[in-house]
Amino acid sequence: MLYKRREKIKKINEKVGAIFSKLPMSPDAWSVFSVVIAVACAYTIYKQYFAVALIFFAVSAFSDVIDGAVARWRKRATKRGAYLDTIADRYVEFIVLFAIYLVSDSVFFLSAREWIVLVIFGSIMTTYAKAAGAEKGVEICGGIMGRAERLAFIFMIILSLWIFPEYSVYLIALMAVLVNISPVQRIMMGLKDAKSVN
């Protein structure tokens, strides 16, 4: 949903690019860095150092903003970089969600772990629906739970594990429902656009 505010986000990205392009790190290095920090986040979640995990997660998520912003500011945006960024994004989400899976044991209709599996499936399908559309020449954007919304939800889940662990399952369940609506929305967009193309 945040994609609708892309003009405002674009201005923020330009400022981020201007600041962080001064550091001696390539855009690709920032993408890899986000995955490394996600591993640190996962470890601290597993050890239940949730306050530290929140910091690591915030750094990892922000690194994902930096890589593209720096690439555009330096005029070094490439298909290779965009591809690496997308792959890094999937690793970050899975690594952190898997750590949450390991420490969650509450129940709300389903166990928290079963809800996490549904979250992971929905995240994969949201991305795949877009990729499959691009492969067929159909551009698909949007949906109720894009990348930014998923990161915000994961942040809130880690926060709830720290402060109100008994309630975290409700956030996980809500994310599972919403994140599985997104691919359905994208699939419907894709079917509609594909029909108009034919």
C-alpha atoms as a PDB file:
ATOM      1  CA  MET A   1       0.000   0.000   0.000  1.00  0.00           C
ATOM      2  CA  LEU A   2       2.928   2.334   0.602  1.00  0.00           C
ATOM      3  CA  TYR A   3       3.746   2.135  -3.115  1.00  0.00           C
ATOM      4  CA  LYS A   4       0.924   4.699  -3.618  1.00  0.00           C
ATOM      5  CA  ARG A   5       3.095   7.226  -1.775  1.00  0.00           C
ATOM      6  CA  ARG A   6       6.094   6.585  -3.981  1.00  0.00           C
ATOM      7  CA  GLU A   7       6.621  10.284  -4.826  1.00  0.00           C
ATOM      8  CA  LYS A   8       7.069  11.176  -1.155  1.00  0.00           C
ATOM      9  CA  ILE A   9       9.199   8.079  -0.599  1.00  0.00           C
ATOM     10  CA  LYS A  10      11.301   9.007  -3.644  1.00  0.00           C
ATOM     11  CA  LYS A  11      12.299  12.314  -2.015  1.00  0.00           C
ATOM     12  CA  ILE A  12      13.315  10.508   1.167  1.00  0.00           C
ATOM     13  CA  ASN A  13      15.318   8.007  -0.882  1.00  0.00           C
ATOM     14  CA  GLU A  14      17.181  10.850  -2.576  1.00  0.00           C
ATOM     15  CA  LYS A  15      18.243  12.238   0.806  1.00  0.00           C
ATOM     16  CA  VAL A  16      19.298   8.773   1.992  1.00  0.00           C
ATOM     17  CA  GLY A  17      21.282   8.255  -1.220  1.00  0.00           C
ATOM     18  CA  ALA A  18      23.035  11.606  -0.851  1.00  0.00           C
ATOM     19  CA  ILE A  19      24.081  10.837   2.732  1.00  0.00           C
ATOM     20  CA  PHE A  20      25.129   7.198   2.432  1.00  0.00           C
ATOM     21  CA  SER A  21      26.800   7.476  -0.975  1.00  0.00           C
ATOM     22  CA  LYS A  22      29.643   9.187   0.900  1.00  0.00           C
ATOM     23  CA  LEU A  23      30.504   5.883   2.599  1.00  0.00           C
ATOM     24  CA  PRO A  24      32.903   3.507   0.800  1.00  0.00           C
ATOM     25  CA  MET A  25      30.304   0.757   0.245  1.00  0.00           C
ATOM     26  CA  SER A  26      28.778  -0.265  -3.059  1.00  0.00           C
ATOM     27  CA  PRO A  27      25.002  -0.744  -3.418  1.00  0.00           C
ATOM     28  CA  ASP A  28      25.583  -4.523  -3.704  1.00  0.00           C
ATOM     29  CA  ALA A  29      27.582  -4.471  -0.471  1.00  0.00           C
ATOM     30  CA  TRP A  30      24.614  -2.848   1.281  1.00  0.00           C
ATOM     31  CA  SER A  31      22.354  -5.653  -0.006  1.00  0.00           C
ATOM     32  CA  VAL A  32      24.696  -8.314   1.371  1.00  0.00           C
ATOM     33  CA  PHE A  33      25.086  -6.339   4.602  1.00  0.00           C
ATOM     34  CA  SER A  34      21.299  -6.441   5.150  1.00  0.00           C
ATOM     35  CA  VAL A  35      21.401 -10.256   5.039  1.00  0.00           C
ATOM     36  CA  VAL A  36      24.354 -10.445   7.442  1.00  0.00           C
ATOM     37  CA  ILE A  37      22.548  -8.193   9.922  1.00  0.00           C
ATOM     38  CA  ALA A  38      19.385 -10.287   9.501  1.00  0.00           C
ATOM     39  CA  VAL A  39      21.394 -13.335  10.616  1.00  0.00           C
ATOM     40  CA  ALA A  40      22.491 -11.398  13.709  1.00  0.00           C
ATOM     41  CA  CYS A  41      18.855 -10.436  14.284  1.00  0.00           C
ATOM     42  CA  ALA A  42      17.765 -14.068  14.000  1.00  0.00           C
ATOM     43  CA  TYR A  43      20.407 -15.161  16.494  1.00  0.00           C
ATOM     44  CA  THR A  44      19.316 -12.576  19.047  1.00  0.00           C
ATOM     45  CA  ILE A  45      15.672 -13.568  18.554  1.00  0.00           C
ATOM     46  CA  TYR A  46      16.622 -17.199  19.141  1.00  0.00           C
ATOM     47  CA  LYS A  47      18.466 -16.171  22.314  1.00  0.00           C
ATOM     48  CA  GLN A  48      15.430 -14.023  23.215  1.00  0.00           C
ATOM     49  CA  TYR A  49      17.390 -10.779  23.361  1.00  0.00           C
ATOM     50  CA  PHE A  50      14.449  -9.062  21.723  1.00  0.00           C
ATOM     51  CA  ALA A  51      15.530  -5.461  22.383  1.00  0.00           C
ATOM     52  CA  VAL A  52      18.815  -6.122  20.562  1.00  0.00           C
ATOM     53  CA  ALA A  53      16.944  -8.023  17.839  1.00  0.00           C
ATOM     54  CA  LEU A  54      14.779  -4.961  17.187  1.00  0.00           C
ATOM     55  CA  ILE A  55      17.886  -2.859  16.623  1.00  0.00           C
ATOM     56  CA  PHE A  56      19.407  -5.421  14.258  1.00  0.00           C
ATOM     57  CA  PHE A  57      16.136  -5.740  12.357  1.00  0.00           C
ATOM     58  CA  ALA A  58      15.800  -1.973  11.987  1.00  0.00           C
ATOM     59  CA  VAL A  59      19.387  -1.771  10.671  1.00  0.00           C
ATOM     60  CA  SER A  60      18.766  -4.638   8.227  1.00  0.00           C
ATOM     61  CA  ALA A  61      15.536  -3.075   6.958  1.00  0.00           C
ATOM     62  CA  PHE A  62      17.162   0.342   6.580  1.00  0.00           C
ATOM     63  CA  SER A  63      20.098  -1.213   4.708  1.00  0.00           C
ATOM     64  CA  ASP A  64      17.561  -2.404   2.154  1.00  0.00           C
ATOM     65  CA  VAL A  65      16.561   1.221   1.614  1.00  0.00           C
ATOM     66  CA  ILE A  66      20.178   2.360   1.395  1.00  0.00           C
ATOM     67  CA  ASP A  67      21.273  -0.025  -1.378  1.00  0.00           C
ATOM     68  CA  GLY A  68      18.774   1.245  -3.942  1.00  0.00           C
ATOM     69  CA  ALA A  69      19.091   4.865  -2.816  1.00  0.00           C
ATOM     70  CA  VAL A  70      22.882   4.805  -3.162  1.00  0.00           C
ATOM     71  CA  ALA A  71      22.674   3.079  -6.563  1.00  0.00           C
ATOM     72  CA  ARG A  72      20.307   5.733  -7.906  1.00  0.00           C
ATOM     73  CA  TRP A  73      22.271   8.633  -6.386  1.00  0.00           C
ATOM     74  CA  ARG A  74      25.528   7.376  -7.890  1.00  0.00           C
ATOM     75  CA  LYS A  75      23.699   6.588 -11.156  1.00  0.00           C
ATOM     76  CA  ARG A  76      24.840   2.967 -10.826  1.00  0.00           C
ATOM     77  CA  ALA A  77      21.426   1.288 -10.774  1.00  0.00           C
ATOM     78  CA  THR A  78      21.688  -1.960 -12.739  1.00  0.00           C
ATOM     79  CA  LYS A  79      19.576  -5.043 -13.380  1.00  0.00           C
ATOM     80  CA  ARG A  80      22.243  -7.061 -11.554  1.00  0.00           C
ATOM     81  CA  GLY A  81      21.911  -4.864  -8.474  1.00  0.00           C
ATOM     82  CA  ALA A  82      18.112  -4.947  -8.567  1.00  0.00           C
ATOM     83  CA  TYR A  83      18.219  -8.731  -8.870  1.00  0.00           C
ATOM     84  CA  LEU A  84      20.617  -9.092  -5.927  1.00  0.00           C
ATOM     85  CA  ASP A  85      18.472  -6.708  -3.872  1.00  0.00           C
ATOM     86  CA  THR A  86      15.343  -8.789  -4.508  1.00  0.00           C
ATOM     87  CA  ILE A  87      17.106 -12.020  -3.555  1.00  0.00           C
ATOM     88  CA  ALA A  88      18.552 -10.403  -0.409  1.00  0.00           C
ATOM     89  CA  ASP A  89      15.057  -9.225   0.564  1.00  0.00           C
ATOM     90  CA  ARG A  90      13.697 -12.774   0.458  1.00  0.00           C
ATOM     91  CA  TYR A  91      16.588 -14.070   2.572  1.00  0.00           C
ATOM     92  CA  VAL A  92      16.122 -11.334   5.169  1.00  0.00           C
ATOM     93  CA  GLU A  93      12.429 -12.088   5.585  1.00  0.00           C
ATOM     94  CA  PHE A  94      12.890 -15.850   5.758  1.00  0.00           C
ATOM     95  CA  ILE A  95      15.835 -15.754   8.164  1.00  0.00           C
ATOM     96  CA  VAL A  96      14.017 -13.509  10.648  1.00  0.00           C
ATOM     97  CA  LEU A  97      10.659 -15.298  10.326  1.00  0.00           C
ATOM     98  CA  PHE A  98      12.370 -18.651  10.865  1.00  0.00           C
ATOM     99  CA  ALA A  99      13.883 -17.359  14.105  1.00  0.00           C
ATOM    100  CA  ILE A 100      10.432 -16.188  15.223  1.00  0.00           C
ATOM    101  CA  TYR A 101       9.137 -19.658  14.315  1.00  0.00           C
ATOM    102  CA  LEU A 102      11.695 -21.227  16.658  1.00  0.00           C
ATOM    103  CA  VAL A 103      10.746 -19.121  19.701  1.00  0.00           C
ATOM    104  CA  SER A 104       6.967 -18.927  19.249  1.00  0.00           C
ATOM    105  CA  ASP A 105       4.727 -21.455  21.011  1.00  0.00           C
ATOM    106  CA  SER A 106       1.411 -19.658  21.644  1.00  0.00           C
ATOM    107  CA  VAL A 107      -1.886 -20.835  20.141  1.00  0.00           C
ATOM    108  CA  PHE A 108      -4.741 -18.927  18.484  1.00  0.00           C
ATOM    109  CA  PHE A 109      -6.814 -21.453  16.538  1.00  0.00           C
ATOM    110  CA  LEU A 110      -3.504 -22.599  15.027  1.00  0.00           C
ATOM    111  CA  SER A 111      -0.132 -22.610  16.737  1.00  0.00           C
ATOM    112  CA  ALA A 112       2.093 -19.568  16.209  1.00  0.00           C
ATOM    113  CA  ARG A 113       4.455 -21.785  14.219  1.00  0.00           C
ATOM    114  CA  GLU A 114       1.691 -22.810  11.830  1.00  0.00           C
ATOM    115  CA  TRP A 115       0.758 -19.170  11.377  1.00  0.00           C
ATOM    116  CA  ILE A 116       4.433 -18.379  10.624  1.00  0.00           C
ATOM    117  CA  VAL A 117       4.437 -21.035   7.886  1.00  0.00           C
ATOM    118  CA  LEU A 118       1.407 -19.289   6.356  1.00  0.00           C
ATOM    119  CA  VAL A 119       3.206 -15.936   6.614  1.00  0.00           C
ATOM    120  CA  ILE A 120       6.213 -17.337   4.763  1.00  0.00           C
ATOM    121  CA  PHE A 121       3.972 -18.893   2.100  1.00  0.00           C
ATOM    122  CA  GLY A 122       2.080 -15.622   1.601  1.00  0.00           C
ATOM    123  CA  SER A 123       5.317 -13.646   1.331  1.00  0.00           C
ATOM    124  CA  ILE A 124       6.668 -16.036  -1.288  1.00  0.00           C
ATOM    125  CA  MET A 125       3.430 -15.982  -3.286  1.00  0.00           C
ATOM    126  CA  THR A 126       3.213 -12.173  -3.169  1.00  0.00           C
ATOM    127  CA  THR A 127       6.658 -11.932  -4.721  1.00  0.00           C
ATOM    128  CA  TYR A 128       6.051 -14.809  -7.130  1.00  0.00           C
ATOM    129  CA  ALA A 129       2.764 -13.340  -8.394  1.00  0.00           C
ATOM    130  CA  LYS A 130       4.677 -10.238  -9.471  1.00  0.00           C
ATOM    131  CA  ALA A 131       7.590 -12.226 -10.939  1.00  0.00           C
ATOM    132  CA  ALA A 132       5.239 -14.529 -12.867  1.00  0.00           C
ATOM    133  CA  GLY A 133       3.432 -11.494 -14.251  1.00  0.00           C
ATOM    134  CA  ALA A 134       6.695  -9.899 -15.392  1.00  0.00           C
ATOM    135  CA  GLU A 135       7.670 -13.168 -17.085  1.00  0.00           C
ATOM    136  CA  LYS A 136       4.427 -13.031 -19.090  1.00  0.00           C
ATOM    137  CA  GLY A 137       4.755  -9.337 -19.866  1.00  0.00           C
ATOM    138  CA  VAL A 138       2.167  -8.217 -17.317  1.00  0.00           C
ATOM    139  CA  GLU A 139       3.166  -5.504 -14.835  1.00  0.00           C
ATOM    140  CA  ILE A 140       1.734  -6.065 -11.352  1.00  0.00           C
ATOM    141  CA  CYS A 141       2.191  -3.711  -8.397  1.00  0.00           C
ATOM    142  CA  GLY A 142       0.522  -3.158  -5.077  1.00  0.00           C
ATOM    143  CA  GLY A 143      -1.516  -5.293  -2.752  1.00  0.00           C
ATOM    144  CA  ILE A 144      -2.393  -4.876   0.888  1.00  0.00           C
ATOM    145  CA  MET A 145       0.941  -6.251   2.164  1.00  0.00           C
ATOM    146  CA  GLY A 146       3.923  -5.138   0.161  1.00  0.00           C
ATOM    147  CA  ARG A 147       7.513  -5.390   1.321  1.00  0.00           C
ATOM    148  CA  ALA A 148       7.377  -2.299   3.548  1.00  0.00           C
ATOM    149  CA  GLU A 149       4.192  -3.449   5.279  1.00  0.00           C
ATOM    150  CA  ARG A 150       5.646  -6.903   5.895  1.00  0.00           C
ATOM    151  CA  LEU A 151       8.766  -5.413   7.464  1.00  0.00           C
ATOM    152  CA  ALA A 152       6.617  -3.194   9.701  1.00  0.00           C
ATOM    153  CA  PHE A 153       4.608  -6.212  10.840  1.00  0.00           C
ATOM    154  CA  ILE A 154       7.731  -8.259  11.566  1.00  0.00           C
ATOM    155  CA  PHE A 155       9.089  -5.357  13.627  1.00  0.00           C
ATOM    156  CA  MET A 156       5.847  -5.256  15.631  1.00  0.00           C
ATOM    157  CA  ILE A 157       5.949  -9.028  16.161  1.00  0.00           C
ATOM    158  CA  ILE A 158       9.501  -8.859  17.550  1.00  0.00           C
ATOM    159  CA  LEU A 159       8.405  -5.972  19.772  1.00  0.00           C
ATOM    160  CA  SER A 160       5.440  -7.983  21.043  1.00  0.00           C
ATOM    161  CA  LEU A 161       7.686 -10.982  21.755  1.00  0.00           C
ATOM    162  CA  TRP A 162       9.723  -8.686  23.985  1.00  0.00           C
ATOM    163  CA  ILE A 163       6.937  -6.799  25.771  1.00  0.00           C
ATOM    164  CA  PHE A 164       3.766  -8.927  25.499  1.00  0.00           C
ATOM    165  CA  PRO A 165       4.868 -12.407  24.362  1.00  0.00           C
ATOM    166  CA  GLU A 166       1.481 -13.983  25.100  1.00  0.00           C
ATOM    167  CA  TYR A 167      -0.154 -11.647  22.550  1.00  0.00           C
ATOM    168  CA  SER A 168       2.384 -12.087  19.741  1.00  0.00           C
ATOM    169  CA  VAL A 169       0.405 -14.965  18.228  1.00  0.00           C
ATOM    170  CA  TYR A 170      -2.447 -12.563  17.427  1.00  0.00           C
ATOM    171  CA  LEU A 171      -0.132 -10.289  15.451  1.00  0.00           C
ATOM    172  CA  ILE A 172       1.377 -13.303  13.685  1.00  0.00           C
ATOM    173  CA  ALA A 173      -2.103 -14.601  12.800  1.00  0.00           C
ATOM    174  CA  LEU A 174      -3.192 -11.182  11.511  1.00  0.00           C
ATOM    175  CA  MET A 175      -0.062 -10.925   9.382  1.00  0.00           C
ATOM    176  CA  ALA A 176      -0.682 -14.437   8.018  1.00  0.00           C
ATOM    177  CA  VAL A 177      -4.197 -13.480   6.912  1.00  0.00           C
ATOM    178  CA  LEU A 178      -3.199 -10.141   5.366  1.00  0.00           C
ATOM    179  CA  VAL A 179      -0.069 -11.419   3.658  1.00  0.00           C
ATOM    180  CA  ASN A 180      -2.122 -14.147   1.955  1.00  0.00           C
ATOM    181  CA  ILE A 181      -4.623 -11.585   0.667  1.00  0.00           C
ATOM    182  CA  SER A 182      -1.818  -9.813  -1.219  1.00  0.00           C
ATOM    183  CA  PRO A 183      -1.058 -12.600  -3.705  1.00  0.00           C
ATOM    184  CA  VAL A 184      -4.771 -13.032  -4.404  1.00  0.00           C
ATOM    185  CA  GLN A 185      -4.973  -9.309  -5.188  1.00  0.00           C
ATOM    186  CA  ARG A 186      -1.933  -9.526  -7.445  1.00  0.00           C
ATOM    187  CA  ILE A 187      -3.208 -12.653  -9.180  1.00  0.00           C
ATOM    188  CA  MET A 188      -6.517 -10.903  -9.910  1.00  0.00           C
ATOM    189  CA  MET A 189      -4.619  -7.891 -11.282  1.00  0.00           C
ATOM    190  CA  GLY A 190      -2.515 -10.178 -13.420  1.00  0.00           C
ATOM    191  CA  LEU A 191      -5.490 -12.068 -14.828  1.00  0.00           C
ATOM    192  CA  LYS A 192      -7.271  -8.804 -15.615  1.00  0.00           C
ATOM    193  CA  ASP A 193      -4.240  -7.232 -17.295  1.00  0.00           C
ATOM    194  CA  ALA A 194      -3.408 -10.426 -19.202  1.00  0.00           C
ATOM    195  CA  LYS A 195      -6.968 -10.530 -20.541  1.00  0.00           C
ATOM    196  CA  SER A 196      -6.769  -6.919 -21.757  1.00  0.00           C
ATOM    197  CA  VAL A 197      -3.422  -7.637 -23.459  1.00  0.00           C
ATOM    198  CA  ASN A 198      -4.914 -10.581 -25.344  1.00  0.00           C
END
